[in-house]
Each structure stands twice: as C-alpha cells, then as structure tokens.
Amino acid sequence: MRIWIYPGSFDPVTNGHMDIIERASALCDELRVVVMVNRAKKTAFTPEERVDFLTRATEVLGKRITVDSCCGLTLDYAKNWQASAMVRGLRSTLDYDFEQQIAAMNRKLAHGLETVFLMAQGESISISSSLVKEYAYYGADISGFVPQAIHGDLLRRLSAKEEQ
C-alpha cells in the first residue's frame, strides 16, 4: 500500500491546497494530509480548527484521504506511517528553490522517502493562505479561494478572532 503525506500549515486550507490534495490522492493508495504545528510560526487558527476545516473540505474527495496533525518532524511522521512519498505543492520558482533544499535534507535523513512536487494550476498559482486571511480581514469576498464547505465558518472564526 502506497501511503503519501501532504504536510503543511493549512492556515486556512485554500482551493489551491484542495487541488493538490485531489491530484495527489489519485496517485497513491492513501493520502495523509497533515497539519504541521510549527512553534515558530504564528497561525490564525489552532491545529484543531485547521484539522476540522480540512476534514470537512476533503469529505467529498473520498475515503483515501486522512487528515491528521503533527507537532514533530515531518520525517518522523512519515516514518511512523511508513509513507513512501511526501507531496509538496509549488506555485513559483521561489517555492521550488526552498522545497528542493528540504527534499534533499529529507532524502538524506529518511532513506526511501521521495518528494513529489505538484505544480499549482490556474488560479491556484497566486493563492496563499496569508493572502486569503488578509483579504478576509478587510471584508473581501474570498468565496472563490476557499472550499465552500468551510467558507462561512472560516469567516465567522476570523471575525471572532479579530474581535479578541
């Protein structure tokens, strides 16, 4: 059984992430979408909120997708689940340069773990979670950038966080 992982902060999940998830899940037996907890990164949503958003957004894609979270090294998570590949989405050459370094390090430390790069397509090329949050904070219509299953709840939670 080919298990792949797709780690990220997903703060929040965007339609660009969903495109990568859908395409990657067609290439393996099980895709584990993993919300990574990075202590150095300030996020708008808790890991539990991000897992919830991803779970609801991916329900329509089938049972081959599992959503999880991890607060350690991605490599340890991959080893624990005997993953054969890690999926990374690329929007630009800047993404590639950064991801290539990580892939080389992972290849050296986790023998047998491949990195599969999937290029963003269409409108996904310019979508980032940071931009989605920024535009939402100022009342812009982000419905075309996030999964419909979480759109309303995402706006409510962002609004509640802004009031705090």
C-alpha atoms as a PDB file:
ATOM      1  CA  MET A   1       0.000   0.000   0.000  1.00  0.00           C
ATOM      2  CA  ARG A   2       1.448   3.375  -1.060  1.00  0.00           C
ATOM      3  CA  ILE A   3       0.961   5.953   1.673  1.00  0.00           C
ATOM      4  CA  TRP A   4       1.859   9.528   0.859  1.00  0.00           C
ATOM      5  CA  ILE A   5       1.792  12.525   3.177  1.00  0.00           C
ATOM      6  CA  TYR A   6       0.997  16.133   2.369  1.00  0.00           C
ATOM      7  CA  PRO A   7       2.245  18.274   5.274  1.00  0.00           C
ATOM      8  CA  GLY A   8       1.535  21.959   5.687  1.00  0.00           C
ATOM      9  CA  SER A   9       0.222  24.622   7.982  1.00  0.00           C
ATOM     10  CA  PHE A  10      -3.110  24.927   6.098  1.00  0.00           C
ATOM     11  CA  ASP A  11      -3.906  28.188   7.910  1.00  0.00           C
ATOM     12  CA  PRO A  12      -6.515  28.025   6.368  1.00  0.00           C
ATOM     13  CA  VAL A  13      -6.908  25.412   3.651  1.00  0.00           C
ATOM     14  CA  THR A  14      -7.376  27.043   0.238  1.00  0.00           C
ATOM     15  CA  ASN A  15      -8.658  25.841  -3.112  1.00  0.00           C
ATOM     16  CA  GLY A  16      -5.004  25.629  -4.153  1.00  0.00           C
ATOM     17  CA  HIS A  17      -4.387  23.109  -1.361  1.00  0.00           C
ATOM     18  CA  MET A  18      -7.531  21.251  -2.390  1.00  0.00           C
ATOM     19  CA  ASP A  19      -6.295  20.984  -5.976  1.00  0.00           C
ATOM     20  CA  ILE A  20      -3.026  19.420  -4.758  1.00  0.00           C
ATOM     21  CA  ILE A  21      -4.915  17.084  -2.388  1.00  0.00           C
ATOM     22  CA  GLU A  22      -7.261  15.891  -5.123  1.00  0.00           C
ATOM     23  CA  ARG A  23      -4.489  15.293  -7.648  1.00  0.00           C
ATOM     24  CA  ALA A  24      -2.122  13.629  -5.156  1.00  0.00           C
ATOM     25  CA  SER A  25      -4.835  11.310  -3.816  1.00  0.00           C
ATOM     26  CA  ALA A  26      -5.284   9.902  -7.328  1.00  0.00           C
ATOM     27  CA  LEU A  27      -1.605   8.865  -7.378  1.00  0.00           C
ATOM     28  CA  CYS A  28      -1.440   6.838  -4.147  1.00  0.00           C
ATOM     29  CA  ASP A  29      -3.467   4.391  -2.071  1.00  0.00           C
ATOM     30  CA  GLU A  30      -3.781   6.680   0.949  1.00  0.00           C
ATOM     31  CA  LEU A  31      -3.003  10.377   1.277  1.00  0.00           C
ATOM     32  CA  ARG A  32      -2.453  11.661   4.803  1.00  0.00           C
ATOM     33  CA  VAL A  33      -2.948  15.426   4.897  1.00  0.00           C
ATOM     34  CA  VAL A  34      -1.010  16.566   7.954  1.00  0.00           C
ATOM     35  CA  VAL A  35      -1.465  19.855   9.773  1.00  0.00           C
ATOM     36  CA  MET A  36       2.024  20.634  10.999  1.00  0.00           C
ATOM     37  CA  VAL A  37       2.443  22.580  14.212  1.00  0.00           C
ATOM     38  CA  ASN A  38       5.409  24.913  13.906  1.00  0.00           C
ATOM     39  CA  ARG A  39       6.137  26.725  17.156  1.00  0.00           C
ATOM     40  CA  ALA A  40       7.989  29.472  15.280  1.00  0.00           C
ATOM     41  CA  LYS A  41       5.030  30.245  13.011  1.00  0.00           C
ATOM     42  CA  LYS A  42       2.149  32.411  14.196  1.00  0.00           C
ATOM     43  CA  THR A  43      -1.116  30.996  12.920  1.00  0.00           C
ATOM     44  CA  ALA A  44      -4.640  32.402  12.901  1.00  0.00           C
ATOM     45  CA  PHE A  45      -6.233  29.038  13.658  1.00  0.00           C
ATOM     46  CA  THR A  46      -5.479  26.338  16.207  1.00  0.00           C
ATOM     47  CA  PRO A  47      -4.325  22.927  14.973  1.00  0.00           C
ATOM     48  CA  GLU A  48      -7.754  21.549  15.915  1.00  0.00           C
ATOM     49  CA  GLU A  49      -9.524  24.215  13.840  1.00  0.00           C
ATOM     50  CA  ARG A  50      -7.262  23.527  10.862  1.00  0.00           C
ATOM     51  CA  VAL A  51      -7.870  19.766  11.123  1.00  0.00           C
ATOM     52  CA  ASP A  52     -11.614  20.449  11.307  1.00  0.00           C
ATOM     53  CA  PHE A  53     -11.537  22.680   8.208  1.00  0.00           C
ATOM     54  CA  LEU A  54      -9.510  20.104   6.260  1.00  0.00           C
ATOM     55  CA  THR A  55     -11.690  17.202   7.350  1.00  0.00           C
ATOM     56  CA  ARG A  56     -14.858  18.945   6.182  1.00  0.00           C
ATOM     57  CA  ALA A  57     -13.263  20.202   2.969  1.00  0.00           C
ATOM     58  CA  THR A  58     -11.911  16.776   1.964  1.00  0.00           C
ATOM     59  CA  GLU A  59     -15.040  14.722   2.794  1.00  0.00           C
ATOM     60  CA  VAL A  60     -16.215  14.996  -0.813  1.00  0.00           C
ATOM     61  CA  LEU A  61     -12.941  13.535  -2.144  1.00  0.00           C
ATOM     62  CA  GLY A  62     -13.362  10.039  -0.703  1.00  0.00           C
ATOM     63  CA  LYS A  63     -12.043   7.720   1.938  1.00  0.00           C
ATOM     64  CA  ARG A  64      -8.445   7.524   0.671  1.00  0.00           C
ATOM     65  CA  ILE A  65      -7.731  10.839   2.389  1.00  0.00           C
ATOM     66  CA  THR A  66      -6.966  11.033   6.108  1.00  0.00           C
ATOM     67  CA  VAL A  67      -6.491  14.322   7.959  1.00  0.00           C
ATOM     68  CA  ASP A  68      -4.153  14.387  10.943  1.00  0.00           C
ATOM     69  CA  SER A  69      -1.849  16.734  12.842  1.00  0.00           C
ATOM     70  CA  CYS A  70       1.751  16.524  13.997  1.00  0.00           C
ATOM     71  CA  CYS A  71       3.909  18.677  16.222  1.00  0.00           C
ATOM     72  CA  GLY A  72       7.222  16.977  15.490  1.00  0.00           C
ATOM     73  CA  LEU A  73       9.392  16.467  12.452  1.00  0.00           C
ATOM     74  CA  THR A  74       7.655  15.602   9.214  1.00  0.00           C
ATOM     75  CA  LEU A  75      10.281  12.877   8.737  1.00  0.00           C
ATOM     76  CA  ASP A  76       9.262  11.161  11.982  1.00  0.00           C
ATOM     77  CA  TYR A  77       5.612  11.298  10.957  1.00  0.00           C
ATOM     78  CA  ALA A  78       6.457   9.801   7.555  1.00  0.00           C
ATOM     79  CA  LYS A  79       8.491   7.003   9.155  1.00  0.00           C
ATOM     80  CA  ASN A  80       5.744   6.242  11.667  1.00  0.00           C
ATOM     81  CA  TRP A  81       3.174   5.785   8.886  1.00  0.00           C
ATOM     82  CA  GLN A  82       5.679   4.116   6.516  1.00  0.00           C
ATOM     83  CA  ALA A  83       4.997   6.772   3.914  1.00  0.00           C
ATOM     84  CA  SER A  84       6.828   6.350   0.639  1.00  0.00           C
ATOM     85  CA  ALA A  85       6.450   9.950  -0.536  1.00  0.00           C
ATOM     86  CA  MET A  86       5.843  13.472   0.639  1.00  0.00           C
ATOM     87  CA  VAL A  87       3.773  15.781  -1.554  1.00  0.00           C
ATOM     88  CA  ARG A  88       4.676  19.431  -1.937  1.00  0.00           C
ATOM     89  CA  GLY A  89       2.757  21.995  -3.955  1.00  0.00           C
ATOM     90  CA  LEU A  90       4.680  24.563  -5.964  1.00  0.00           C
ATOM     91  CA  ARG A  91       3.422  27.976  -7.076  1.00  0.00           C
ATOM     92  CA  SER A  92       6.664  29.510  -8.335  1.00  0.00           C
ATOM     93  CA  THR A  93      10.389  29.042  -8.721  1.00  0.00           C
ATOM     94  CA  LEU A  94      10.808  30.600  -5.261  1.00  0.00           C
ATOM     95  CA  ASP A  95       8.768  27.710  -3.821  1.00  0.00           C
ATOM     96  CA  TYR A  96      10.897  25.265  -5.798  1.00  0.00           C
ATOM     97  CA  ASP A  97      14.200  26.626  -4.505  1.00  0.00           C
ATOM     98  CA  PHE A  98      13.029  26.348  -0.897  1.00  0.00           C
ATOM     99  CA  GLU A  99      11.366  22.946  -1.320  1.00  0.00           C
ATOM    100  CA  GLN A 100      14.369  21.491  -3.157  1.00  0.00           C
ATOM    101  CA  GLN A 101      16.524  22.134  -0.076  1.00  0.00           C
ATOM    102  CA  ILE A 102      14.008  20.395   2.172  1.00  0.00           C
ATOM    103  CA  ALA A 103      13.697  17.470  -0.242  1.00  0.00           C
ATOM    104  CA  ALA A 104      17.475  16.981  -0.300  1.00  0.00           C
ATOM    105  CA  MET A 105      17.657  17.036   3.502  1.00  0.00           C
ATOM    106  CA  ASN A 106      14.749  14.604   3.798  1.00  0.00           C
ATOM    107  CA  ARG A 107      16.246  12.242   1.242  1.00  0.00           C
ATOM    108  CA  LYS A 108      19.457  12.121   3.241  1.00  0.00           C
ATOM    109  CA  LEU A 109      17.779  11.653   6.640  1.00  0.00           C
ATOM    110  CA  ALA A 110      14.879   9.392   5.661  1.00  0.00           C
ATOM    111  CA  HIS A 111      16.146   6.829   3.207  1.00  0.00           C
ATOM    112  CA  GLY A 112      13.458   5.917   0.718  1.00  0.00           C
ATOM    113  CA  LEU A 113      11.185   8.925   1.271  1.00  0.00           C
ATOM    114  CA  GLU A 114      10.597  10.595  -2.086  1.00  0.00           C
ATOM    115  CA  THR A 115       9.323  14.122  -2.575  1.00  0.00           C
ATOM    116  CA  VAL A 116       6.652  14.579  -5.224  1.00  0.00           C
ATOM    117  CA  PHE A 117       6.247  18.137  -6.486  1.00  0.00           C
ATOM    118  CA  LEU A 118       2.899  19.109  -7.961  1.00  0.00           C
ATOM    119  CA  MET A 119       2.632  22.442  -9.728  1.00  0.00           C
ATOM    120  CA  ALA A 120      -0.278  24.691  -8.834  1.00  0.00           C
ATOM    121  CA  GLN A 121      -2.746  25.138 -11.667  1.00  0.00           C
ATOM    122  CA  GLY A 122      -4.812  28.057 -12.942  1.00  0.00           C
ATOM    123  CA  GLU A 123      -5.995  30.456 -10.255  1.00  0.00           C
ATOM    124  CA  SER A 124      -4.205  28.402  -7.576  1.00  0.00           C
ATOM    125  CA  ILE A 125      -0.861  29.810  -8.654  1.00  0.00           C
ATOM    126  CA  SER A 126      -1.470  33.077  -6.832  1.00  0.00           C
ATOM    127  CA  ILE A 127      -3.451  31.834  -3.817  1.00  0.00           C
ATOM    128  CA  SER A 128      -1.800  31.727  -0.415  1.00  0.00           C
ATOM    129  CA  SER A 129      -3.361  31.250   2.992  1.00  0.00           C
ATOM    130  CA  SER A 130      -1.807  34.535   4.119  1.00  0.00           C
ATOM    131  CA  LEU A 131      -3.453  36.487   1.304  1.00  0.00           C
ATOM    132  CA  VAL A 132      -6.807  34.791   1.898  1.00  0.00           C
ATOM    133  CA  LYS A 133      -6.713  35.784   5.585  1.00  0.00           C
ATOM    134  CA  GLU A 134      -5.610  39.340   4.800  1.00  0.00           C
ATOM    135  CA  TYR A 135      -8.370  39.909   2.257  1.00  0.00           C
ATOM    136  CA  ALA A 136     -10.981  38.307   4.528  1.00  0.00           C
ATOM    137  CA  TYR A 137      -9.973  40.599   7.407  1.00  0.00           C
ATOM    138  CA  TYR A 138     -10.852  43.572   5.201  1.00  0.00           C
ATOM    139  CA  GLY A 139     -14.178  42.138   4.064  1.00  0.00           C
ATOM    140  CA  ALA A 140     -13.234  40.989   0.567  1.00  0.00           C
ATOM    141  CA  ASP A 141     -15.149  38.115  -0.989  1.00  0.00           C
ATOM    142  CA  ILE A 142     -12.875  35.077  -0.558  1.00  0.00           C
ATOM    143  CA  SER A 143     -15.504  32.525  -1.592  1.00  0.00           C
ATOM    144  CA  GLY A 144     -13.594  31.696  -4.794  1.00  0.00           C
ATOM    145  CA  PHE A 145     -10.417  30.911  -2.872  1.00  0.00           C
ATOM    146  CA  VAL A 146     -11.538  28.542  -0.102  1.00  0.00           C
ATOM    147  CA  PRO A 147     -13.624  25.343  -0.104  1.00  0.00           C
ATOM    148  CA  GLN A 148     -17.347  26.104   0.050  1.00  0.00           C
ATOM    149  CA  ALA A 149     -17.754  23.567   2.889  1.00  0.00           C
ATOM    150  CA  ILE A 150     -15.826  25.836   5.271  1.00  0.00           C
ATOM    151  CA  HIS A 151     -16.337  29.335   3.833  1.00  0.00           C
ATOM    152  CA  GLY A 152     -18.998  30.580   6.278  1.00  0.00           C
ATOM    153  CA  ASP A 153     -17.386  29.055   9.340  1.00  0.00           C
ATOM    154  CA  LEU A 154     -13.992  30.367   8.300  1.00  0.00           C
ATOM    155  CA  LEU A 155     -15.337  33.929   8.076  1.00  0.00           C
ATOM    156  CA  ARG A 156     -17.100  33.629  11.450  1.00  0.00           C
ATOM    157  CA  ARG A 157     -13.948  32.348  13.163  1.00  0.00           C
ATOM    158  CA  LEU A 158     -11.757  35.029  11.585  1.00  0.00           C
ATOM    159  CA  SER A 159     -14.244  37.677  12.681  1.00  0.00           C
ATOM    160  CA  ALA A 160     -14.323  36.317  16.242  1.00  0.00           C
ATOM    161  CA  LYS A 161     -10.513  36.267  16.394  1.00  0.00           C
ATOM    162  CA  GLU A 162     -10.326  39.847  15.155  1.00  0.00           C
ATOM    163  CA  GLU A 163     -12.651  40.973  17.953  1.00  0.00           C
ATOM    164  CA  GLN A 164     -10.416  39.426  20.622  1.00  0.00           C
END
